Amino acid sequence: MRANFFCWFEPVNGFLLFKIVLDKITEEAVTELKPRWINRLAGVDVWLESRVRTALIYVRWADKVMESAAEAARRRHNAIARSISAESIGGTED
């Protein structure tokens, strides 16, 4: 249902849309984590929201890095496969 919500609007400001999504996910995570840690970890009431937000941004950044690395590996694999295929039929790679 959430994905459908964003289809109704043409995002004029992508940063604002990302902030709205990030704020909602952060709020949900804090609501779930705070009761678990409030009596076990000092400062959780002060720092949890910023730590959750940082973790979410890092995971999003890391996903982009991993996607780029996976795409580069796929390109290398395909180039090697083409080279081996060309050699096995006696041709050369152009």
Protein backbone atom coordinates (compact mmCIF):
# COMPACT_ATOMS: atom_id res chain seq x y z
CA MET A 1 0.00 0.00 0.00
CA ARG A 2 2.84 2.42 0.77
CA ALA A 3 4.33 1.99 -2.69
CA ASN A 4 0.98 2.84 -4.26
CA PHE A 5 0.78 6.03 -2.20
CA PHE A 6 3.89 7.46 -3.86
CA CYS A 7 2.61 6.62 -7.35
CA TRP A 8 -0.18 9.19 -6.91
CA PHE A 9 2.23 12.10 -6.75
CA GLU A 10 4.87 13.38 -9.09
CA PRO A 11 7.84 14.06 -6.83
CA VAL A 12 9.04 17.58 -7.45
CA ASN A 13 11.61 17.42 -4.69
CA GLY A 14 13.24 13.99 -4.44
CA PHE A 15 15.08 14.99 -1.27
CA LEU A 16 11.81 15.87 0.45
CA LEU A 17 10.26 12.57 -0.59
CA PHE A 18 13.28 10.67 0.72
CA LYS A 19 13.13 12.63 4.00
CA ILE A 20 9.44 11.79 4.44
CA VAL A 21 10.12 8.09 3.92
CA LEU A 22 13.22 8.16 6.12
CA ASP A 23 11.34 9.97 8.92
CA LYS A 24 8.52 7.39 8.85
CA ILE A 25 10.86 4.39 8.92
CA THR A 26 12.95 6.02 11.67
CA GLU A 27 9.84 6.67 13.75
CA GLU A 28 8.69 3.05 13.38
CA ALA A 29 12.12 1.70 14.32
CA VAL A 30 12.45 3.97 17.37
CA THR A 31 8.97 2.96 18.53
CA GLU A 32 10.01 -0.69 18.34
CA LEU A 33 13.53 -0.40 19.78
CA LYS A 34 13.13 2.15 22.57
CA PRO A 35 11.09 -0.05 24.95
CA ARG A 36 13.64 -2.86 24.57
CA TRP A 37 16.64 -0.71 25.48
CA ILE A 38 15.38 2.13 27.69
CA ASN A 39 16.26 0.33 30.97
CA ARG A 40 19.44 -1.30 29.68
CA LEU A 41 21.32 1.42 27.84
CA ALA A 42 21.94 4.93 29.11
CA GLY A 43 21.16 7.67 26.63
CA VAL A 44 18.90 5.58 24.43
CA ASP A 45 16.13 8.13 24.84
CA VAL A 46 18.44 10.90 23.64
CA TRP A 47 20.51 9.24 20.89
CA LEU A 48 18.41 6.40 19.47
CA GLU A 49 16.64 8.41 16.76
CA SER A 50 19.84 9.85 15.31
CA ARG A 51 21.56 6.44 15.42
CA VAL A 52 18.66 4.77 13.63
CA ARG A 53 18.63 7.51 10.98
CA THR A 54 22.40 7.16 10.47
CA ALA A 55 22.11 3.38 10.16
CA LEU A 56 19.34 3.68 7.57
CA ILE A 57 21.30 6.18 5.48
CA TYR A 58 24.41 3.99 5.67
CA VAL A 59 22.48 0.88 4.63
CA ARG A 60 21.02 2.77 1.67
CA TRP A 61 24.50 3.99 0.68
CA ALA A 62 25.99 0.51 1.17
CA ASP A 63 23.25 -1.00 -1.01
CA LYS A 64 24.18 1.38 -3.82
CA VAL A 65 27.87 0.48 -3.46
CA MET A 66 27.07 -3.23 -3.46
CA GLU A 67 24.81 -2.86 -6.52
CA SER A 68 27.65 -1.08 -8.34
CA ALA A 69 30.15 -3.77 -7.34
CA ALA A 70 27.78 -6.54 -8.41
CA GLU A 71 27.20 -4.85 -11.77
CA ALA A 72 30.97 -4.50 -12.30
CA ALA A 73 31.44 -8.19 -11.46
CA ARG A 74 28.69 -9.12 -13.92
CA ARG A 75 30.38 -7.10 -16.67
CA ARG A 76 33.76 -8.77 -15.97
CA HIS A 77 32.13 -12.21 -15.96
CA ASN A 78 30.36 -11.54 -19.27
CA ALA A 79 33.57 -10.25 -20.87
CA ILE A 80 35.47 -13.36 -19.78
CA ALA A 81 32.65 -15.61 -20.99
CA ARG A 82 32.65 -13.89 -24.40
CA SER A 83 36.43 -14.22 -24.60
CA ILE A 84 36.35 -17.92 -23.76
CA SER A 85 33.52 -18.48 -26.22
CA ALA A 86 35.42 -16.70 -29.00
CA GLU A 87 38.59 -18.70 -28.27
CA SER A 88 36.73 -22.01 -28.19
CA ILE A 89 35.37 -21.50 -31.72
CA GLY A 90 38.72 -20.34 -33.04
CA GLY A 91 37.73 -16.73 -33.50
CA THR A 92 39.02 -13.60 -31.89
CA GLU A 93 37.26 -11.04 -29.79
CA ASP A 94 36.67 -7.79 -31.74
